[in-house]
Amino acid sequence: MPREVKKALELAKGDRTWGRFLMNLYNEAENARRSRAFDELAESLTDEDLEAIAVSSREFRERGRI
């Protein structure tokens, strides 16, 4: 591992354990991936799509109330 990378990672890690630090990095990457996927989906939906989803959701909830 190049010294610069090791130094940057140790500085970012601070006093956390490597396990906690790596888990935090993983969680941040997953959250960013999910957010990007959501944004891409939202951009691809038309107003008609959104209305159809809303209607379908209302109907589903109403059927669940017996």
PDB file of N, CA and C in Angstrom:
ATOM      1  N   MET A   1       0.863  -1.181   0.000  1.00  0.00           N
ATOM      2  CA  MET A   1       0.000   0.000   0.000  1.00  0.00           C
ATOM      3  C   MET A   1       0.903   1.236   0.000  1.00  0.00           C
ATOM      4  N   PRO A   2       0.714   2.103  -0.965  1.00  0.00           N
ATOM      5  CA  PRO A   2       1.547   3.321  -0.992  1.00  0.00           C
ATOM      6  C   PRO A   2       1.405   4.118   0.308  1.00  0.00           C
ATOM      7  N   ARG A   3       2.471   4.731   0.674  1.00  0.00           N
ATOM      8  CA  ARG A   3       2.487   5.493   1.939  1.00  0.00           C
ATOM      9  C   ARG A   3       1.423   6.580   1.991  1.00  0.00           C
ATOM     10  N   GLU A   4       1.210   7.275   0.866  1.00  0.00           N
ATOM     11  CA  GLU A   4       0.238   8.376   0.862  1.00  0.00           C
ATOM     12  C   GLU A   4      -1.166   7.855   1.151  1.00  0.00           C
ATOM     13  N   VAL A   5      -1.499   6.713   0.571  1.00  0.00           N
ATOM     14  CA  VAL A   5      -2.821   6.136   0.785  1.00  0.00           C
ATOM     15  C   VAL A   5      -2.980   5.708   2.232  1.00  0.00           C
ATOM     16  N   LYS A   6      -1.968   5.020   2.733  1.00  0.00           N
ATOM     17  CA  LYS A   6      -2.017   4.553   4.125  1.00  0.00           C
ATOM     18  C   LYS A   6      -2.146   5.732   5.086  1.00  0.00           C
ATOM     19  N   LYS A   7      -1.393   6.778   4.838  1.00  0.00           N
ATOM     20  CA  LYS A   7      -1.435   7.960   5.705  1.00  0.00           C
ATOM     21  C   LYS A   7      -2.812   8.626   5.652  1.00  0.00           C
ATOM     22  N   ALA A   8      -3.375   8.762   4.442  1.00  0.00           N
ATOM     23  CA  ALA A   8      -4.695   9.389   4.293  1.00  0.00           C
ATOM     24  C   ALA A   8      -5.766   8.566   4.999  1.00  0.00           C
ATOM     25  N   LEU A   9      -5.712   7.239   4.855  1.00  0.00           N
ATOM     26  CA  LEU A   9      -6.699   6.376   5.502  1.00  0.00           C
ATOM     27  C   LEU A   9      -6.572   6.428   7.026  1.00  0.00           C
ATOM     28  N   GLU A  10      -5.365   6.391   7.525  1.00  0.00           N
ATOM     29  CA  GLU A  10      -5.179   6.456   8.978  1.00  0.00           C
ATOM     30  C   GLU A  10      -5.638   7.789   9.539  1.00  0.00           C
ATOM     31  N   LEU A  11      -5.421   8.859   8.794  1.00  0.00           N
ATOM     32  CA  LEU A  11      -5.884  10.182   9.229  1.00  0.00           C
ATOM     33  C   LEU A  11      -7.415  10.223   9.238  1.00  0.00           C
ATOM     34  N   ALA A  12      -8.047   9.696   8.200  1.00  0.00           N
ATOM     35  CA  ALA A  12      -9.507   9.677   8.131  1.00  0.00           C
ATOM     36  C   ALA A  12     -10.097   8.761   9.197  1.00  0.00           C
ATOM     37  N   LYS A  13      -9.428   7.671   9.490  1.00  0.00           N
ATOM     38  CA  LYS A  13      -9.901   6.703  10.484  1.00  0.00           C
ATOM     39  C   LYS A  13      -9.944   7.315  11.872  1.00  0.00           C
ATOM     40  N   GLY A  14      -8.973   8.162  12.165  1.00  0.00           N
ATOM     41  CA  GLY A  14      -8.924   8.780  13.495  1.00  0.00           C
ATOM     42  C   GLY A  14      -8.745   7.729  14.568  1.00  0.00           C
ATOM     43  N   ASP A  15      -9.513   7.847  15.650  1.00  0.00           N
ATOM     44  CA  ASP A  15      -9.355   6.904  16.760  1.00  0.00           C
ATOM     45  C   ASP A  15     -10.329   5.730  16.679  1.00  0.00           C
ATOM     46  N   ARG A  16     -11.061   5.630  15.567  1.00  0.00           N
ATOM     47  CA  ARG A  16     -11.972   4.498  15.378  1.00  0.00           C
ATOM     48  C   ARG A  16     -11.170   3.238  15.059  1.00  0.00           C
ATOM     49  N   THR A  17     -11.779   2.089  15.339  1.00  0.00           N
ATOM     50  CA  THR A  17     -11.146   0.833  14.933  1.00  0.00           C
ATOM     51  C   THR A  17     -11.263   0.716  13.421  1.00  0.00           C
ATOM     52  N   TRP A  18     -10.408  -0.129  12.843  1.00  0.00           N
ATOM     53  CA  TRP A  18     -10.486  -0.331  11.401  1.00  0.00           C
ATOM     54  C   TRP A  18     -11.826  -0.920  11.010  1.00  0.00           C
ATOM     55  N   GLY A  19     -12.340  -1.822  11.825  1.00  0.00           N
ATOM     56  CA  GLY A  19     -13.644  -2.411  11.526  1.00  0.00           C
ATOM     57  C   GLY A  19     -14.736  -1.369  11.479  1.00  0.00           C
ATOM     58  N   ARG A  20     -14.771  -0.496  12.478  1.00  0.00           N
ATOM     59  CA  ARG A  20     -15.797   0.554  12.524  1.00  0.00           C
ATOM     60  C   ARG A  20     -15.605   1.539  11.371  1.00  0.00           C
ATOM     61  N   PHE A  21     -14.364   1.893  11.089  1.00  0.00           N
ATOM     62  CA  PHE A  21     -14.060   2.821  10.002  1.00  0.00           C
ATOM     63  C   PHE A  21     -14.500   2.244   8.655  1.00  0.00           C
ATOM     64  N   LEU A  22     -14.147   0.983   8.401  1.00  0.00           N
ATOM     65  CA  LEU A  22     -14.505   0.358   7.131  1.00  0.00           C
ATOM     66  C   LEU A  22     -16.008   0.169   7.006  1.00  0.00           C
ATOM     67  N   MET A  23     -16.672  -0.174   8.103  1.00  0.00           N
ATOM     68  CA  MET A  23     -18.120  -0.321   8.064  1.00  0.00           C
ATOM     69  C   MET A  23     -18.777   1.019   7.744  1.00  0.00           C
ATOM     70  N   ASN A  24     -18.242   2.094   8.307  1.00  0.00           N
ATOM     71  CA  ASN A  24     -18.763   3.426   8.020  1.00  0.00           C
ATOM     72  C   ASN A  24     -18.582   3.771   6.543  1.00  0.00           C
ATOM     73  N   LEU A  25     -17.412   3.466   5.988  1.00  0.00           N
ATOM     74  CA  LEU A  25     -17.174   3.715   4.566  1.00  0.00           C
ATOM     75  C   LEU A  25     -18.146   2.916   3.704  1.00  0.00           C
ATOM     76  N   TYR A  26     -18.353   1.662   4.072  1.00  0.00           N
ATOM     77  CA  TYR A  26     -19.284   0.803   3.341  1.00  0.00           C
ATOM     78  C   TYR A  26     -20.699   1.381   3.391  1.00  0.00           C
ATOM     79  N   ASN A  27     -21.150   1.771   4.571  1.00  0.00           N
ATOM     80  CA  ASN A  27     -22.503   2.330   4.719  1.00  0.00           C
ATOM     81  C   ASN A  27     -22.667   3.607   3.916  1.00  0.00           C
ATOM     82  N   GLU A  28     -21.656   4.466   3.921  1.00  0.00           N
ATOM     83  CA  GLU A  28     -21.726   5.697   3.140  1.00  0.00           C
ATOM     84  C   GLU A  28     -21.802   5.387   1.645  1.00  0.00           C
ATOM     85  N   ALA A  29     -21.029   4.411   1.191  1.00  0.00           N
ATOM     86  CA  ALA A  29     -21.050   4.034  -0.230  1.00  0.00           C
ATOM     87  C   ALA A  29     -22.414   3.458  -0.608  1.00  0.00           C
ATOM     88  N   GLU A  30     -22.989   2.613   0.242  1.00  0.00           N
ATOM     89  CA  GLU A  30     -24.303   2.034  -0.029  1.00  0.00           C
ATOM     90  C   GLU A  30     -25.385   3.115  -0.067  1.00  0.00           C
ATOM     91  N   ASN A  31     -25.334   4.042   0.881  1.00  0.00           N
ATOM     92  CA  ASN A  31     -26.315   5.136   0.898  1.00  0.00           C
ATOM     93  C   ASN A  31     -26.208   5.991  -0.355  1.00  0.00           C
ATOM     94  N   ALA A  32     -24.981   6.258  -0.793  1.00  0.00           N
ATOM     95  CA  ALA A  32     -24.785   7.049  -2.011  1.00  0.00           C
ATOM     96  C   ALA A  32     -25.308   6.292  -3.223  1.00  0.00           C
ATOM     97  N   ARG A  33     -25.077   4.978  -3.290  1.00  0.00           N
ATOM     98  CA  ARG A  33     -25.552   4.157  -4.396  1.00  0.00           C
ATOM     99  C   ARG A  33     -27.084   4.150  -4.443  1.00  0.00           C
ATOM    100  N   ARG A  34     -27.701   3.968  -3.279  1.00  0.00           N
ATOM    101  CA  ARG A  34     -29.171   3.960  -3.219  1.00  0.00           C
ATOM    102  C   ARG A  34     -29.747   5.314  -3.607  1.00  0.00           C
ATOM    103  N   SER A  35     -29.128   6.368  -3.127  1.00  0.00           N
ATOM    104  CA  SER A  35     -29.604   7.715  -3.435  1.00  0.00           C
ATOM    105  C   SER A  35     -29.509   7.989  -4.941  1.00  0.00           C
ATOM    106  N   ARG A  36     -28.390   7.585  -5.555  1.00  0.00           N
ATOM    107  CA  ARG A  36     -28.232   7.759  -6.998  1.00  0.00           C
ATOM    108  C   ARG A  36     -29.292   6.974  -7.756  1.00  0.00           C
ATOM    109  N   ALA A  37     -29.529   5.730  -7.331  1.00  0.00           N
ATOM    110  CA  ALA A  37     -30.531   4.895  -8.001  1.00  0.00           C
ATOM    111  C   ALA A  37     -31.917   5.516  -7.871  1.00  0.00           C
ATOM    112  N   PHE A  38     -32.248   6.023  -6.687  1.00  0.00           N
ATOM    113  CA  PHE A  38     -33.546   6.669  -6.478  1.00  0.00           C
ATOM    114  C   PHE A  38     -33.676   7.900  -7.365  1.00  0.00           C
ATOM    115  N   ASP A  39     -32.632   8.723  -7.408  1.00  0.00           N
ATOM    116  CA  ASP A  39     -32.673   9.931  -8.237  1.00  0.00           C
ATOM    117  C   ASP A  39     -32.852   9.591  -9.711  1.00  0.00           C
ATOM    118  N   GLU A  40     -32.146   8.549 -10.174  1.00  0.00           N
ATOM    119  CA  GLU A  40     -32.280   8.142 -11.575  1.00  0.00           C
ATOM    120  C   GLU A  40     -33.700   7.656 -11.865  1.00  0.00           C
ATOM    121  N   LEU A  41     -34.265   6.890 -10.946  1.00  0.00           N
ATOM    122  CA  LEU A  41     -35.636   6.413 -11.124  1.00  0.00           C
ATOM    123  C   LEU A  41     -36.612   7.584 -11.137  1.00  0.00           C
ATOM    124  N   ALA A  42     -36.452   8.491 -10.179  1.00  0.00           N
ATOM    125  CA  ALA A  42     -37.359   9.641 -10.096  1.00  0.00           C
ATOM    126  C   ALA A  42     -37.306  10.486 -11.366  1.00  0.00           C
ATOM    127  N   GLU A  43     -36.116  10.638 -11.937  1.00  0.00           N
ATOM    128  CA  GLU A  43     -35.987  11.424 -13.160  1.00  0.00           C
ATOM    129  C   GLU A  43     -36.633  10.733 -14.354  1.00  0.00           C
ATOM    130  N   SER A  44     -36.712   9.412 -14.316  1.00  0.00           N
ATOM    131  CA  SER A  44     -37.250   8.680 -15.461  1.00  0.00           C
ATOM    132  C   SER A  44     -38.777   8.594 -15.445  1.00  0.00           C
ATOM    133  N   LEU A  45     -39.414   8.899 -14.311  1.00  0.00           N
ATOM    134  CA  LEU A  45     -40.871   8.800 -14.202  1.00  0.00           C
ATOM    135  C   LEU A  45     -41.545  10.072 -14.694  1.00  0.00           C
ATOM    136  N   THR A  46     -42.625   9.884 -15.429  1.00  0.00           N
ATOM    137  CA  THR A  46     -43.413  11.034 -15.893  1.00  0.00           C
ATOM    138  C   THR A  46     -44.457  11.371 -14.832  1.00  0.00           C
ATOM    139  N   ASP A  47     -45.123  12.491 -15.021  1.00  0.00           N
ATOM    140  CA  ASP A  47     -46.213  12.862 -14.112  1.00  0.00           C
ATOM    141  C   ASP A  47     -47.315  11.803 -14.137  1.00  0.00           C
ATOM    142  N   GLU A  48     -47.565  11.254 -15.309  1.00  0.00           N
ATOM    143  CA  GLU A  48     -48.574  10.202 -15.427  1.00  0.00           C
ATOM    144  C   GLU A  48     -48.163   8.953 -14.640  1.00  0.00           C
ATOM    145  N   ASP A  49     -46.883   8.612 -14.709  1.00  0.00           N
ATOM    146  CA  ASP A  49     -46.382   7.466 -13.939  1.00  0.00           C
ATOM    147  C   ASP A  49     -46.581   7.686 -12.446  1.00  0.00           C
ATOM    148  N   LEU A  50     -46.231   8.886 -11.993  1.00  0.00           N
ATOM    149  CA  LEU A  50     -46.356   9.198 -10.569  1.00  0.00           C
ATOM    150  C   LEU A  50     -47.816   9.145 -10.116  1.00  0.00           C
ATOM    151  N   GLU A  51     -48.718   9.649 -10.955  1.00  0.00           N
ATOM    152  CA  GLU A  51     -50.141   9.605 -10.616  1.00  0.00           C
ATOM    153  C   GLU A  51     -50.637   8.162 -10.567  1.00  0.00           C
ATOM    154  N   ALA A  52     -50.215   7.339 -11.518  1.00  0.00           N
ATOM    155  CA  ALA A  52     -50.613   5.929 -11.529  1.00  0.00           C
ATOM    156  C   ALA A  52     -50.102   5.210 -10.283  1.00  0.00           C
ATOM    157  N   ILE A  53     -48.894   5.527  -9.851  1.00  0.00           N
ATOM    158  CA  ILE A  53     -48.335   4.929  -8.636  1.00  0.00           C
ATOM    159  C   ILE A  53     -49.150   5.352  -7.421  1.00  0.00           C
ATOM    160  N   ALA A  54     -49.502   6.632  -7.348  1.00  0.00           N
ATOM    161  CA  ALA A  54     -50.283   7.140  -6.222  1.00  0.00           C
ATOM    162  C   ALA A  54     -51.655   6.467  -6.172  1.00  0.00           C
ATOM    163  N   VAL A  55     -52.319   6.341  -7.309  1.00  0.00           N
ATOM    164  CA  VAL A  55     -53.633   5.697  -7.361  1.00  0.00           C
ATOM    165  C   VAL A  55     -53.509   4.241  -6.940  1.00  0.00           C
ATOM    166  N   SER A  56     -52.542   3.552  -7.467  1.00  0.00           N
ATOM    167  CA  SER A  56     -52.331   2.143  -7.136  1.00  0.00           C
ATOM    168  C   SER A  56     -52.054   1.961  -5.649  1.00  0.00           C
ATOM    169  N   SER A  57     -51.269   2.862  -5.082  1.00  0.00           N
ATOM    170  CA  SER A  57     -50.945   2.794  -3.649  1.00  0.00           C
ATOM    171  C   SER A  57     -52.195   2.991  -2.797  1.00  0.00           C
ATOM    172  N   ARG A  58     -53.034   3.968  -3.180  1.00  0.00           N
ATOM    173  CA  ARG A  58     -54.275   4.214  -2.441  1.00  0.00           C
ATOM    174  C   ARG A  58     -55.194   2.995  -2.510  1.00  0.00           C
ATOM    175  N   GLU A  59     -55.322   2.427  -3.704  1.00  0.00           N
ATOM    176  CA  GLU A  59     -56.181   1.255  -3.870  1.00  0.00           C
ATOM    177  C   GLU A  59     -55.661   0.076  -3.042  1.00  0.00           C
ATOM    178  N   PHE A  60     -54.369  -0.112  -3.032  1.00  0.00           N
ATOM    179  CA  PHE A  60     -53.772  -1.201  -2.265  1.00  0.00           C
ATOM    180  C   PHE A  60     -54.058  -1.032  -0.772  1.00  0.00           C
ATOM    181  N   ARG A  61     -53.880   0.190  -0.264  1.00  0.00           N
ATOM    182  CA  ARG A  61     -54.132   0.442   1.165  1.00  0.00           C
ATOM    183  C   ARG A  61     -55.612   0.257   1.504  1.00  0.00           C
ATOM    184  N   GLU A  62     -56.493   0.696   0.603  1.00  0.00           N
ATOM    185  CA  GLU A  62     -57.934   0.546   0.854  1.00  0.00           C
ATOM    186  C   GLU A  62     -58.341  -0.925   0.869  1.00  0.00           C
ATOM    187  N   ARG A  63     -57.768  -1.734   0.011  1.00  0.00           N
ATOM    188  CA  ARG A  63     -58.069  -3.167   0.010  1.00  0.00           C
ATOM    189  C   ARG A  63     -57.568  -3.827   1.283  1.00  0.00           C
ATOM    190  N   GLY A  64     -56.536  -3.280   1.871  1.00  0.00           N
ATOM    191  CA  GLY A  64     -55.985  -3.846   3.101  1.00  0.00           C
ATOM    192  C   GLY A  64     -56.831  -3.554   4.322  1.00  0.00           C
ATOM    193  N   ARG A  65     -57.719  -2.590   4.244  1.00  0.00           N
ATOM    194  CA  ARG A  65     -58.619  -2.238   5.356  1.00  0.00           C
ATOM    195  C   ARG A  65     -59.921  -3.005   5.212  1.00  0.00           C
ATOM    196  N   ILE A  66     -59.985  -4.116   5.844  1.00  0.00           N
ATOM    197  CA  ILE A  66     -61.197  -4.956   5.736  1.00  0.00           C
ATOM    198  C   ILE A  66     -62.086  -4.719   6.930  1.00  0.00           C
TER     199      ILE A  66
END
